[in-house]
Amino acid sequence: MLYTPPWRPITPRFAAIAAAGLLTLGAAWGGLTPARTSAIQYSDGRVGFSYPLRLTESFATRNLVVDGNATYYLTFDFPAAAAEPLDRVVISLDEGFDPIFRFRLDATEAFVNTADGRSALPLGELTQDREAKSLTITFDPPVAPGSPITLALQPYQNPRSAGVYLFGATAYPVGEVVESTFMGYARLTFYDRDGGFWP
C-alpha cells in the first residue's frame, strides 16, 4: 500500500507567494527597525538619561600614601541610547577620610574614547567643595552620547592614610530640572610607604 505524507512539498511558486506575504506583513508593521530613543521626561518636568551611564574602569597611577604625582583615571560608558547630552559629572569622596584631600582644578582633563584614540573634551566651570569632598566637572559644550569618556583627575597628593577609598561618580544631563544618574564607585587602594599592604 502506497503511503501519502500529510504534508505537501514546497514548490517554487508556493515559496514565492509566501515570501511576498511576509514582505507585505513587514510593510504593514512598519518593519523591524526600533524607534529612535528619546530622553525621559518626568511628569514634574525633570529630564533624565534614557539609558544609564556606568563607570567601567578606574585606577591611580601611583598608590603610595601622600604621593604628589598621581593621576586618577575614571572611565564611564556613555551609550547613544542615553539620548541626552552630558552636562556635568560630580566626583565625591564617599568612603575614606582625609581632611586636606583636594584636586588640582587646572590639571583636570577629560577625553572621549573612539576607535581612532582619545580626543580631548573642552571643559567649562570646575568647582570643588572641600567640605563635601566633591569635584564638579562641567563640559562646555555638553557632550553628545555615543562614546565612552575618561576623566583624568590630579589630587594635590594621595590620602595620608592607607586603605580603600571610594569615589562616587554621578552624571547630570542638560536641563534646568534634571534627574541625575549614579554611575558607580571608583575604588582606589593606597598603601603605606614601608611597602606593607593594607588589608
N, C-alpha and C. Protein backbone atom coordinates (compact mmCIF):
# COMPACT_ATOMS: atom_id res chain seq x y z
N MET A 1 0.86 -1.18 0.00
CA MET A 1 0.00 0.00 0.00
C MET A 1 0.89 1.22 0.00
N LEU A 2 0.52 2.21 -0.83
CA LEU A 2 1.32 3.42 -1.01
C LEU A 2 1.00 4.43 0.07
N TYR A 3 2.06 4.93 0.77
CA TYR A 3 1.84 5.89 1.87
C TYR A 3 1.91 7.32 1.33
N THR A 4 0.89 8.10 1.69
CA THR A 4 0.86 9.51 1.27
C THR A 4 1.13 10.39 2.48
N PRO A 5 2.23 11.17 2.49
CA PRO A 5 2.54 12.02 3.65
C PRO A 5 1.48 13.10 3.84
N PRO A 6 1.24 13.52 5.10
CA PRO A 6 0.20 14.52 5.37
C PRO A 6 0.60 15.92 4.89
N TRP A 7 1.87 16.12 4.52
CA TRP A 7 2.30 17.43 4.05
C TRP A 7 2.62 17.36 2.58
N ARG A 8 2.62 18.51 1.94
CA ARG A 8 2.93 18.56 0.52
C ARG A 8 4.27 19.26 0.33
N PRO A 9 5.08 18.83 -0.61
CA PRO A 9 6.36 19.50 -0.85
C PRO A 9 6.15 20.96 -1.22
N ILE A 10 7.09 21.81 -0.79
CA ILE A 10 7.00 23.24 -1.12
C ILE A 10 7.52 23.46 -2.52
N THR A 11 6.67 23.99 -3.36
CA THR A 11 7.05 24.26 -4.75
C THR A 11 7.63 25.66 -4.85
N PRO A 12 8.42 25.94 -5.88
CA PRO A 12 8.97 27.30 -6.05
C PRO A 12 7.88 28.36 -6.09
N ARG A 13 6.72 28.02 -6.71
CA ARG A 13 5.63 29.01 -6.80
C ARG A 13 5.09 29.32 -5.41
N PHE A 14 4.93 28.27 -4.55
CA PHE A 14 4.43 28.48 -3.18
C PHE A 14 5.41 29.31 -2.36
N ALA A 15 6.71 29.04 -2.52
CA ALA A 15 7.74 29.80 -1.78
C ALA A 15 7.69 31.27 -2.16
N ALA A 16 7.50 31.57 -3.42
CA ALA A 16 7.44 32.97 -3.87
C ALA A 16 6.23 33.67 -3.27
N ILE A 17 5.08 32.97 -3.23
CA ILE A 17 3.87 33.56 -2.64
C ILE A 17 4.07 33.83 -1.16
N ALA A 18 4.70 32.87 -0.45
CA ALA A 18 4.94 33.04 0.99
C ALA A 18 5.87 34.22 1.24
N ALA A 19 6.91 34.34 0.43
CA ALA A 19 7.85 35.45 0.61
C ALA A 19 7.17 36.78 0.39
N ALA A 20 6.31 36.85 -0.63
CA ALA A 20 5.59 38.10 -0.90
C ALA A 20 4.68 38.45 0.26
N GLY A 21 4.05 37.41 0.86
CA GLY A 21 3.18 37.66 2.01
C GLY A 21 3.94 38.22 3.20
N LEU A 22 5.16 37.68 3.44
CA LEU A 22 5.98 38.17 4.55
C LEU A 22 6.41 39.59 4.32
N LEU A 23 6.75 39.94 3.08
CA LEU A 23 7.13 41.33 2.79
C LEU A 23 5.98 42.28 3.02
N THR A 24 4.77 41.83 2.65
CA THR A 24 3.59 42.68 2.87
C THR A 24 3.35 42.88 4.35
N LEU A 25 3.51 41.80 5.14
CA LEU A 25 3.34 41.93 6.59
C LEU A 25 4.36 42.88 7.17
N GLY A 26 5.61 42.78 6.71
CA GLY A 26 6.66 43.66 7.21
C GLY A 26 6.34 45.11 6.94
N ALA A 27 5.83 45.39 5.74
CA ALA A 27 5.46 46.76 5.40
C ALA A 27 4.32 47.25 6.27
N ALA A 28 3.36 46.36 6.53
CA ALA A 28 2.21 46.75 7.35
C ALA A 28 2.63 47.05 8.78
N TRP A 29 3.62 46.32 9.29
CA TRP A 29 4.07 46.52 10.67
C TRP A 29 5.09 47.66 10.79
N GLY A 30 5.48 48.23 9.65
CA GLY A 30 6.46 49.30 9.70
C GLY A 30 7.87 48.78 9.80
N GLY A 31 8.09 47.50 9.51
CA GLY A 31 9.44 46.94 9.58
C GLY A 31 9.82 46.60 11.01
N LEU A 32 11.04 46.10 11.18
CA LEU A 32 11.53 45.69 12.49
C LEU A 32 12.54 46.66 13.06
N THR A 33 12.74 47.83 12.42
CA THR A 33 13.70 48.81 12.91
C THR A 33 13.14 49.48 14.16
N PRO A 34 13.88 49.48 15.29
CA PRO A 34 13.38 50.08 16.50
C PRO A 34 13.25 51.60 16.37
N ALA A 35 12.32 52.15 17.09
CA ALA A 35 12.11 53.60 17.05
C ALA A 35 13.29 54.30 17.71
N ARG A 36 13.55 55.55 17.31
CA ARG A 36 14.65 56.32 17.87
C ARG A 36 14.42 56.57 19.35
N THR A 37 15.48 56.40 20.13
CA THR A 37 15.38 56.61 21.57
C THR A 37 15.22 58.09 21.87
N SER A 38 14.35 58.42 22.80
CA SER A 38 14.19 59.82 23.21
C SER A 38 14.43 59.91 24.70
N ALA A 39 14.74 61.12 25.15
CA ALA A 39 15.05 61.34 26.56
C ALA A 39 13.83 61.09 27.42
N ILE A 40 14.08 60.75 28.68
CA ILE A 40 12.98 60.56 29.63
C ILE A 40 12.57 61.92 30.18
N GLN A 41 11.29 62.21 30.12
CA GLN A 41 10.76 63.44 30.72
C GLN A 41 9.73 63.03 31.77
N TYR A 42 9.99 63.41 33.03
CA TYR A 42 9.10 63.06 34.13
C TYR A 42 7.93 64.03 34.19
N SER A 43 6.89 63.63 34.91
CA SER A 43 5.67 64.44 34.98
C SER A 43 5.91 65.81 35.60
N ASP A 44 6.94 65.92 36.45
CA ASP A 44 7.23 67.20 37.08
C ASP A 44 8.19 68.06 36.25
N GLY A 45 8.49 67.62 35.02
CA GLY A 45 9.34 68.40 34.14
C GLY A 45 10.81 68.02 34.15
N ARG A 46 11.21 67.11 35.04
CA ARG A 46 12.62 66.70 35.09
C ARG A 46 13.00 65.94 33.82
N VAL A 47 14.27 66.10 33.42
CA VAL A 47 14.80 65.40 32.26
C VAL A 47 15.85 64.41 32.75
N GLY A 48 15.84 63.19 32.20
CA GLY A 48 16.80 62.18 32.61
C GLY A 48 17.35 61.42 31.41
N PHE A 49 18.44 60.71 31.63
CA PHE A 49 19.00 59.87 30.58
C PHE A 49 18.06 58.70 30.30
N SER A 50 17.95 58.32 29.03
CA SER A 50 17.09 57.20 28.66
C SER A 50 17.75 55.85 28.95
N TYR A 51 19.07 55.86 29.09
CA TYR A 51 19.80 54.62 29.36
C TYR A 51 20.90 54.98 30.36
N PRO A 52 21.11 54.16 31.39
CA PRO A 52 22.07 54.53 32.44
C PRO A 52 23.52 54.55 31.97
N LEU A 53 24.27 55.48 32.51
CA LEU A 53 25.72 55.54 32.30
C LEU A 53 26.36 54.72 33.41
N ARG A 54 27.47 54.03 33.10
CA ARG A 54 28.09 53.15 34.08
C ARG A 54 29.60 53.35 34.11
N LEU A 55 30.15 53.49 35.32
CA LEU A 55 31.59 53.54 35.50
C LEU A 55 32.15 52.16 35.20
N THR A 56 33.13 52.09 34.28
CA THR A 56 33.63 50.79 33.85
C THR A 56 35.07 50.52 34.27
N GLU A 57 35.84 51.57 34.55
CA GLU A 57 37.24 51.36 34.90
C GLU A 57 37.74 52.53 35.74
N SER A 58 38.63 52.25 36.68
CA SER A 58 39.25 53.32 37.47
C SER A 58 40.58 52.81 38.02
N PHE A 59 41.57 53.70 38.03
CA PHE A 59 42.85 53.34 38.62
C PHE A 59 43.65 54.61 38.90
N ALA A 60 44.61 54.48 39.80
CA ALA A 60 45.53 55.57 40.13
C ALA A 60 46.91 55.20 39.61
N THR A 61 47.62 56.19 39.05
CA THR A 61 48.95 55.91 38.51
C THR A 61 49.97 55.68 39.61
N ARG A 62 49.70 56.18 40.82
CA ARG A 62 50.58 55.95 41.96
C ARG A 62 49.72 55.62 43.17
N ASN A 63 50.12 54.61 43.93
CA ASN A 63 49.27 54.11 45.01
C ASN A 63 49.89 54.23 46.40
N LEU A 64 50.96 55.01 46.56
CA LEU A 64 51.52 55.22 47.88
C LEU A 64 50.89 56.44 48.54
N VAL A 65 50.71 56.37 49.85
CA VAL A 65 50.11 57.50 50.57
C VAL A 65 50.98 58.75 50.40
N VAL A 66 50.32 59.90 50.37
CA VAL A 66 50.95 61.22 50.33
C VAL A 66 51.77 61.46 49.06
N ASP A 67 51.66 60.59 48.07
CA ASP A 67 52.37 60.81 46.81
C ASP A 67 51.73 62.00 46.09
N GLY A 68 52.58 62.94 45.63
CA GLY A 68 52.05 64.15 45.00
C GLY A 68 52.04 64.12 43.49
N ASN A 69 52.34 62.99 42.87
CA ASN A 69 52.42 62.93 41.40
C ASN A 69 51.43 61.92 40.81
N ALA A 70 50.32 61.73 41.46
CA ALA A 70 49.35 60.72 41.00
C ALA A 70 48.29 61.34 40.10
N THR A 71 47.77 60.52 39.22
CA THR A 71 46.60 60.87 38.41
C THR A 71 45.58 59.76 38.57
N TYR A 72 44.33 60.13 38.79
CA TYR A 72 43.25 59.15 38.90
C TYR A 72 42.48 59.16 37.58
N TYR A 73 42.36 57.99 36.97
CA TYR A 73 41.60 57.87 35.72
C TYR A 73 40.29 57.15 35.99
N LEU A 74 39.21 57.75 35.55
CA LEU A 74 37.87 57.16 35.68
C LEU A 74 37.24 57.13 34.30
N THR A 75 36.85 55.94 33.84
CA THR A 75 36.22 55.78 32.53
C THR A 75 34.80 55.30 32.71
N PHE A 76 33.88 55.94 32.00
CA PHE A 76 32.48 55.50 32.08
C PHE A 76 31.89 55.38 30.69
N ASP A 77 30.95 54.46 30.57
CA ASP A 77 30.26 54.20 29.30
C ASP A 77 29.17 55.24 29.12
N PHE A 78 29.08 55.80 27.91
CA PHE A 78 28.06 56.80 27.61
C PHE A 78 27.41 56.42 26.28
N PRO A 79 26.52 55.41 26.30
CA PRO A 79 25.96 54.88 25.05
C PRO A 79 25.02 55.86 24.36
N ALA A 80 24.87 55.67 23.05
CA ALA A 80 23.97 56.52 22.27
C ALA A 80 22.54 56.44 22.79
N ALA A 81 22.17 55.29 23.38
CA ALA A 81 20.82 55.10 23.90
C ALA A 81 20.50 56.02 25.08
N ALA A 82 21.53 56.65 25.65
CA ALA A 82 21.28 57.59 26.76
C ALA A 82 20.48 58.80 26.29
N ALA A 83 20.58 59.11 24.99
CA ALA A 83 19.80 60.14 24.31
C ALA A 83 20.18 61.57 24.68
N GLU A 84 20.26 61.89 25.95
CA GLU A 84 20.53 63.26 26.37
C GLU A 84 22.03 63.57 26.41
N PRO A 85 22.43 64.79 26.05
CA PRO A 85 23.85 65.17 26.20
C PRO A 85 24.23 65.30 27.68
N LEU A 86 25.51 65.14 27.93
CA LEU A 86 26.05 65.18 29.30
C LEU A 86 26.47 66.60 29.64
N ASP A 87 25.93 67.13 30.71
CA ASP A 87 26.26 68.49 31.14
C ASP A 87 27.43 68.52 32.12
N ARG A 88 27.40 67.62 33.11
CA ARG A 88 28.45 67.64 34.14
C ARG A 88 28.52 66.30 34.86
N VAL A 89 29.66 66.11 35.52
CA VAL A 89 29.90 64.94 36.36
C VAL A 89 30.39 65.42 37.71
N VAL A 90 29.88 64.82 38.77
CA VAL A 90 30.31 65.15 40.13
C VAL A 90 31.02 63.92 40.71
N ILE A 91 32.26 64.13 41.17
CA ILE A 91 33.05 63.09 41.81
C ILE A 91 33.13 63.42 43.29
N SER A 92 32.76 62.48 44.15
CA SER A 92 32.76 62.75 45.59
C SER A 92 33.49 61.63 46.33
N LEU A 93 34.25 62.00 47.33
CA LEU A 93 34.93 61.02 48.18
C LEU A 93 33.93 60.54 49.21
N ASP A 94 33.38 59.35 48.99
CA ASP A 94 32.30 58.84 49.83
C ASP A 94 32.77 57.90 50.94
N GLU A 95 33.95 57.31 50.76
CA GLU A 95 34.48 56.45 51.82
C GLU A 95 36.00 56.61 51.87
N GLY A 96 36.50 56.82 53.07
CA GLY A 96 37.91 57.13 53.26
C GLY A 96 38.02 58.58 53.71
N PHE A 97 38.85 58.84 54.67
CA PHE A 97 38.88 60.17 55.27
C PHE A 97 40.25 60.81 55.18
N ASP A 98 40.28 62.05 54.70
CA ASP A 98 41.49 62.87 54.70
C ASP A 98 41.03 64.32 54.69
N PRO A 99 41.19 65.06 55.79
CA PRO A 99 40.64 66.41 55.90
C PRO A 99 41.23 67.42 54.91
N ILE A 100 42.43 67.15 54.36
CA ILE A 100 43.03 68.11 53.44
C ILE A 100 42.99 67.63 51.98
N PHE A 101 42.28 66.54 51.71
CA PHE A 101 42.26 66.00 50.36
C PHE A 101 41.55 66.95 49.40
N ARG A 102 42.20 67.25 48.27
CA ARG A 102 41.58 68.06 47.22
C ARG A 102 42.31 67.85 45.90
N PHE A 103 41.63 68.27 44.80
CA PHE A 103 42.17 68.09 43.46
C PHE A 103 42.74 69.40 42.91
N ARG A 104 43.64 69.26 41.94
CA ARG A 104 44.16 70.41 41.20
C ARG A 104 43.19 70.70 40.04
N LEU A 105 42.43 71.77 40.16
CA LEU A 105 41.42 72.07 39.14
C LEU A 105 42.06 72.33 37.78
N ASP A 106 43.20 73.04 37.76
CA ASP A 106 43.82 73.40 36.49
C ASP A 106 44.43 72.20 35.77
N ALA A 107 44.55 71.07 36.43
CA ALA A 107 45.12 69.87 35.81
C ALA A 107 44.05 68.86 35.40
N THR A 108 42.78 69.16 35.66
CA THR A 108 41.69 68.23 35.33
C THR A 108 41.50 68.17 33.82
N GLU A 109 41.36 66.95 33.30
CA GLU A 109 41.15 66.75 31.86
C GLU A 109 40.06 65.71 31.64
N ALA A 110 39.52 65.74 30.42
CA ALA A 110 38.52 64.75 30.02
C ALA A 110 38.75 64.39 28.56
N PHE A 111 38.49 63.12 28.23
CA PHE A 111 38.70 62.63 26.87
C PHE A 111 37.50 61.80 26.45
N VAL A 112 37.18 61.85 25.16
CA VAL A 112 36.22 60.91 24.60
C VAL A 112 37.02 59.82 23.93
N ASN A 113 36.65 58.56 24.17
CA ASN A 113 37.39 57.42 23.65
C ASN A 113 36.71 56.88 22.39
N THR A 114 37.40 56.97 21.26
CA THR A 114 36.85 56.50 19.99
C THR A 114 37.78 55.42 19.42
N ALA A 115 37.37 54.85 18.29
CA ALA A 115 38.19 53.83 17.64
C ALA A 115 39.52 54.40 17.16
N ASP A 116 39.56 55.71 16.94
CA ASP A 116 40.79 56.36 16.48
C ASP A 116 41.67 56.85 17.62
N GLY A 117 41.24 56.62 18.86
CA GLY A 117 42.02 57.06 20.01
C GLY A 117 41.26 58.05 20.87
N ARG A 118 41.98 58.75 21.72
CA ARG A 118 41.36 59.71 22.63
C ARG A 118 41.36 61.11 22.02
N SER A 119 40.26 61.82 22.24
CA SER A 119 40.14 63.20 21.79
C SER A 119 39.73 64.04 22.99
N ALA A 120 40.48 65.11 23.25
CA ALA A 120 40.22 65.94 24.43
C ALA A 120 38.87 66.62 24.35
N LEU A 121 38.20 66.70 25.48
CA LEU A 121 36.90 67.38 25.56
C LEU A 121 37.09 68.75 26.24
N PRO A 122 36.51 69.80 25.67
CA PRO A 122 36.61 71.12 26.32
C PRO A 122 35.78 71.17 27.59
N LEU A 123 36.37 71.71 28.63
CA LEU A 123 35.69 71.79 29.92
C LEU A 123 35.23 73.22 30.20
N GLY A 124 34.14 73.32 30.94
CA GLY A 124 33.64 74.60 31.39
C GLY A 124 34.09 74.86 32.81
N GLU A 125 33.14 75.23 33.64
CA GLU A 125 33.46 75.56 35.03
C GLU A 125 33.81 74.31 35.84
N LEU A 126 34.86 74.42 36.62
CA LEU A 126 35.26 73.36 37.55
C LEU A 126 35.16 73.92 38.96
N THR A 127 34.45 73.21 39.82
CA THR A 127 34.30 73.68 41.20
C THR A 127 34.59 72.54 42.16
N GLN A 128 35.07 72.92 43.33
CA GLN A 128 35.42 71.92 44.35
C GLN A 128 34.85 72.35 45.69
N ASP A 129 34.14 71.45 46.31
CA ASP A 129 33.59 71.70 47.65
C ASP A 129 34.45 70.91 48.63
N ARG A 130 35.35 71.60 49.31
CA ARG A 130 36.28 70.92 50.20
C ARG A 130 35.58 70.31 51.40
N GLU A 131 34.50 70.93 51.83
CA GLU A 131 33.77 70.38 52.98
C GLU A 131 33.07 69.09 52.61
N ALA A 132 32.45 69.07 51.42
CA ALA A 132 31.74 67.87 50.96
C ALA A 132 32.67 66.89 50.25
N LYS A 133 33.95 67.27 50.06
CA LYS A 133 34.93 66.43 49.36
C LYS A 133 34.42 66.04 47.97
N SER A 134 33.93 67.03 47.22
CA SER A 134 33.39 66.76 45.90
C SER A 134 33.99 67.69 44.85
N LEU A 135 34.05 67.19 43.63
CA LEU A 135 34.57 67.93 42.48
C LEU A 135 33.51 67.89 41.38
N THR A 136 33.13 69.07 40.85
CA THR A 136 32.15 69.15 39.78
C THR A 136 32.86 69.53 38.48
N ILE A 137 32.70 68.70 37.47
CA ILE A 137 33.33 68.91 36.16
C ILE A 137 32.23 69.20 35.15
N THR A 138 32.21 70.42 34.61
CA THR A 138 31.20 70.82 33.64
C THR A 138 31.81 70.80 32.24
N PHE A 139 31.04 70.29 31.27
CA PHE A 139 31.51 70.22 29.89
C PHE A 139 30.93 71.39 29.10
N ASP A 140 31.77 72.05 28.31
CA ASP A 140 31.34 73.20 27.52
C ASP A 140 31.98 73.13 26.13
N PRO A 141 31.19 72.69 25.13
CA PRO A 141 29.77 72.39 25.16
C PRO A 141 29.48 71.03 25.79
N PRO A 142 28.20 70.76 26.11
CA PRO A 142 27.84 69.44 26.62
C PRO A 142 28.24 68.34 25.63
N VAL A 143 28.48 67.14 26.15
CA VAL A 143 28.97 66.03 25.33
C VAL A 143 27.80 65.18 24.82
N ALA A 144 27.80 64.93 23.51
CA ALA A 144 26.77 64.07 22.92
C ALA A 144 27.06 62.62 23.28
N PRO A 145 26.03 61.81 23.48
CA PRO A 145 26.25 60.39 23.81
C PRO A 145 26.77 59.61 22.62
N GLY A 146 27.36 58.45 22.90
CA GLY A 146 27.80 57.58 21.83
C GLY A 146 29.18 56.98 22.01
N SER A 147 30.00 57.54 22.92
CA SER A 147 31.36 57.02 23.13
C SER A 147 31.71 57.09 24.61
N PRO A 148 32.54 56.15 25.09
CA PRO A 148 33.00 56.22 26.48
C PRO A 148 33.81 57.49 26.73
N ILE A 149 33.81 57.92 27.99
CA ILE A 149 34.52 59.13 28.40
C ILE A 149 35.46 58.78 29.54
N THR A 150 36.65 59.35 29.50
CA THR A 150 37.63 59.18 30.57
C THR A 150 37.93 60.52 31.22
N LEU A 151 37.92 60.55 32.55
CA LEU A 151 38.31 61.72 33.32
C LEU A 151 39.70 61.48 33.89
N ALA A 152 40.54 62.49 33.83
CA ALA A 152 41.88 62.44 34.42
C ALA A 152 41.94 63.48 35.53
N LEU A 153 42.03 63.03 36.78
CA LEU A 153 41.99 63.91 37.95
C LEU A 153 43.33 63.86 38.67
N GLN A 154 43.82 65.02 39.08
CA GLN A 154 45.09 65.06 39.80
C GLN A 154 44.88 65.64 41.20
N PRO A 155 45.05 64.84 42.23
CA PRO A 155 44.99 65.37 43.59
C PRO A 155 46.29 66.11 43.91
N TYR A 156 46.23 67.00 44.89
CA TYR A 156 47.47 67.63 45.33
C TYR A 156 48.41 66.57 45.89
N GLN A 157 47.82 65.58 46.54
CA GLN A 157 48.58 64.41 46.97
C GLN A 157 47.60 63.30 47.31
N ASN A 158 48.09 62.08 47.32
CA ASN A 158 47.25 60.96 47.72
C ASN A 158 46.88 61.11 49.20
N PRO A 159 45.82 60.41 49.62
CA PRO A 159 45.44 60.47 51.05
C PRO A 159 46.61 60.11 51.96
N ARG A 160 46.56 60.63 53.18
CA ARG A 160 47.64 60.41 54.13
C ARG A 160 47.56 59.06 54.83
N SER A 161 46.37 58.46 54.82
CA SER A 161 46.20 57.16 55.49
C SER A 161 45.99 56.06 54.46
N ALA A 162 46.66 54.92 54.68
CA ALA A 162 46.49 53.78 53.78
C ALA A 162 45.08 53.21 53.91
N GLY A 163 44.61 52.60 52.83
CA GLY A 163 43.28 51.99 52.88
C GLY A 163 42.58 52.06 51.54
N VAL A 164 41.31 51.67 51.55
CA VAL A 164 40.47 51.69 50.36
C VAL A 164 39.62 52.95 50.39
N TYR A 165 39.63 53.67 49.28
CA TYR A 165 38.85 54.90 49.15
C TYR A 165 37.86 54.74 48.00
N LEU A 166 36.63 55.15 48.25
CA LEU A 166 35.58 55.06 47.24
C LEU A 166 35.19 56.46 46.77
N PHE A 167 35.33 56.68 45.47
CA PHE A 167 34.95 57.95 44.85
C PHE A 167 33.68 57.71 44.03
N GLY A 168 32.58 58.29 44.47
CA GLY A 168 31.32 58.15 43.74
C GLY A 168 31.29 59.07 42.54
N ALA A 169 30.73 58.59 41.42
CA ALA A 169 30.62 59.38 40.18
C ALA A 169 29.16 59.49 39.78
N THR A 170 28.68 60.73 39.62
CA THR A 170 27.28 60.99 39.28
C THR A 170 27.22 61.87 38.04
N ALA A 171 26.39 61.50 37.06
CA ALA A 171 26.26 62.23 35.80
C ALA A 171 24.95 63.00 35.77
N TYR A 172 25.00 64.19 35.14
CA TYR A 172 23.82 65.05 35.02
C TYR A 172 23.58 65.42 33.56
N PRO A 173 22.35 65.24 33.06
CA PRO A 173 22.05 65.66 31.68
C PRO A 173 21.84 67.18 31.62
N VAL A 174 21.67 67.68 30.42
CA VAL A 174 21.41 69.11 30.23
C VAL A 174 19.95 69.40 30.57
N GLY A 175 19.71 70.50 31.24
CA GLY A 175 18.35 70.89 31.56
C GLY A 175 18.29 71.71 32.83
N GLU A 176 17.19 72.44 32.99
CA GLU A 176 17.03 73.25 34.20
C GLU A 176 16.70 72.39 35.41
N VAL A 177 15.85 71.38 35.19
CA VAL A 177 15.50 70.44 36.26
C VAL A 177 15.81 69.04 35.74
N VAL A 178 16.79 68.37 36.35
CA VAL A 178 17.25 67.10 35.80
C VAL A 178 17.26 65.99 36.84
N GLU A 179 17.26 64.77 36.35
CA GLU A 179 17.40 63.57 37.18
C GLU A 179 18.80 63.03 36.95
N SER A 180 19.62 63.03 37.98
CA SER A 180 21.00 62.57 37.84
C SER A 180 21.05 61.04 37.79
N THR A 181 22.18 60.51 37.32
CA THR A 181 22.42 59.07 37.28
C THR A 181 23.71 58.76 38.02
N PHE A 182 23.62 57.93 39.08
CA PHE A 182 24.82 57.50 39.79
C PHE A 182 25.48 56.40 38.97
N MET A 183 26.75 56.62 38.57
CA MET A 183 27.42 55.69 37.66
C MET A 183 28.19 54.59 38.38
N GLY A 184 28.48 54.78 39.66
CA GLY A 184 29.22 53.76 40.40
C GLY A 184 30.38 54.36 41.17
N TYR A 185 31.17 53.49 41.78
CA TYR A 185 32.30 53.92 42.60
C TYR A 185 33.63 53.59 41.93
N ALA A 186 34.55 54.55 41.98
CA ALA A 186 35.94 54.28 41.65
C ALA A 186 36.60 53.83 42.95
N ARG A 187 37.07 52.59 42.97
CA ARG A 187 37.67 52.01 44.18
C ARG A 187 39.19 52.08 44.05
N LEU A 188 39.81 52.93 44.83
CA LEU A 188 41.26 53.12 44.78
C LEU A 188 41.88 52.72 46.12
N THR A 189 42.95 51.95 46.06
CA THR A 189 43.62 51.48 47.27
C THR A 189 44.99 52.13 47.38
N PHE A 190 45.31 52.63 48.57
CA PHE A 190 46.59 53.29 48.81
C PHE A 190 47.34 52.54 49.92
N TYR A 191 48.65 52.49 49.75
CA TYR A 191 49.50 51.67 50.62
C TYR A 191 50.51 52.54 51.37
N ASP A 192 50.92 52.03 52.53
CA ASP A 192 51.96 52.71 53.31
C ASP A 192 53.29 52.68 52.56
N ARG A 193 54.14 53.63 52.87
CA ARG A 193 55.42 53.74 52.19
C ARG A 193 56.41 52.65 52.58
N ASP A 194 56.14 51.94 53.68
CA ASP A 194 57.06 50.86 54.07
C ASP A 194 56.83 49.59 53.24
N GLY A 195 55.90 49.67 52.28
CA GLY A 195 55.64 48.53 51.41
C GLY A 195 54.62 47.57 51.96
N GLY A 196 54.13 47.82 53.16
CA GLY A 196 53.13 46.94 53.74
C GLY A 196 51.78 47.10 53.05
N PHE A 197 51.06 46.02 52.95
CA PHE A 197 49.73 46.06 52.31
C PHE A 197 48.69 46.30 53.37
N TRP A 198 47.73 47.16 53.01
CA TRP A 198 46.60 47.39 53.89
C TRP A 198 45.58 46.28 53.66
N PRO A 199 45.04 45.68 54.69
CA PRO A 199 44.13 44.53 54.50
C PRO A 199 42.84 44.95 53.79
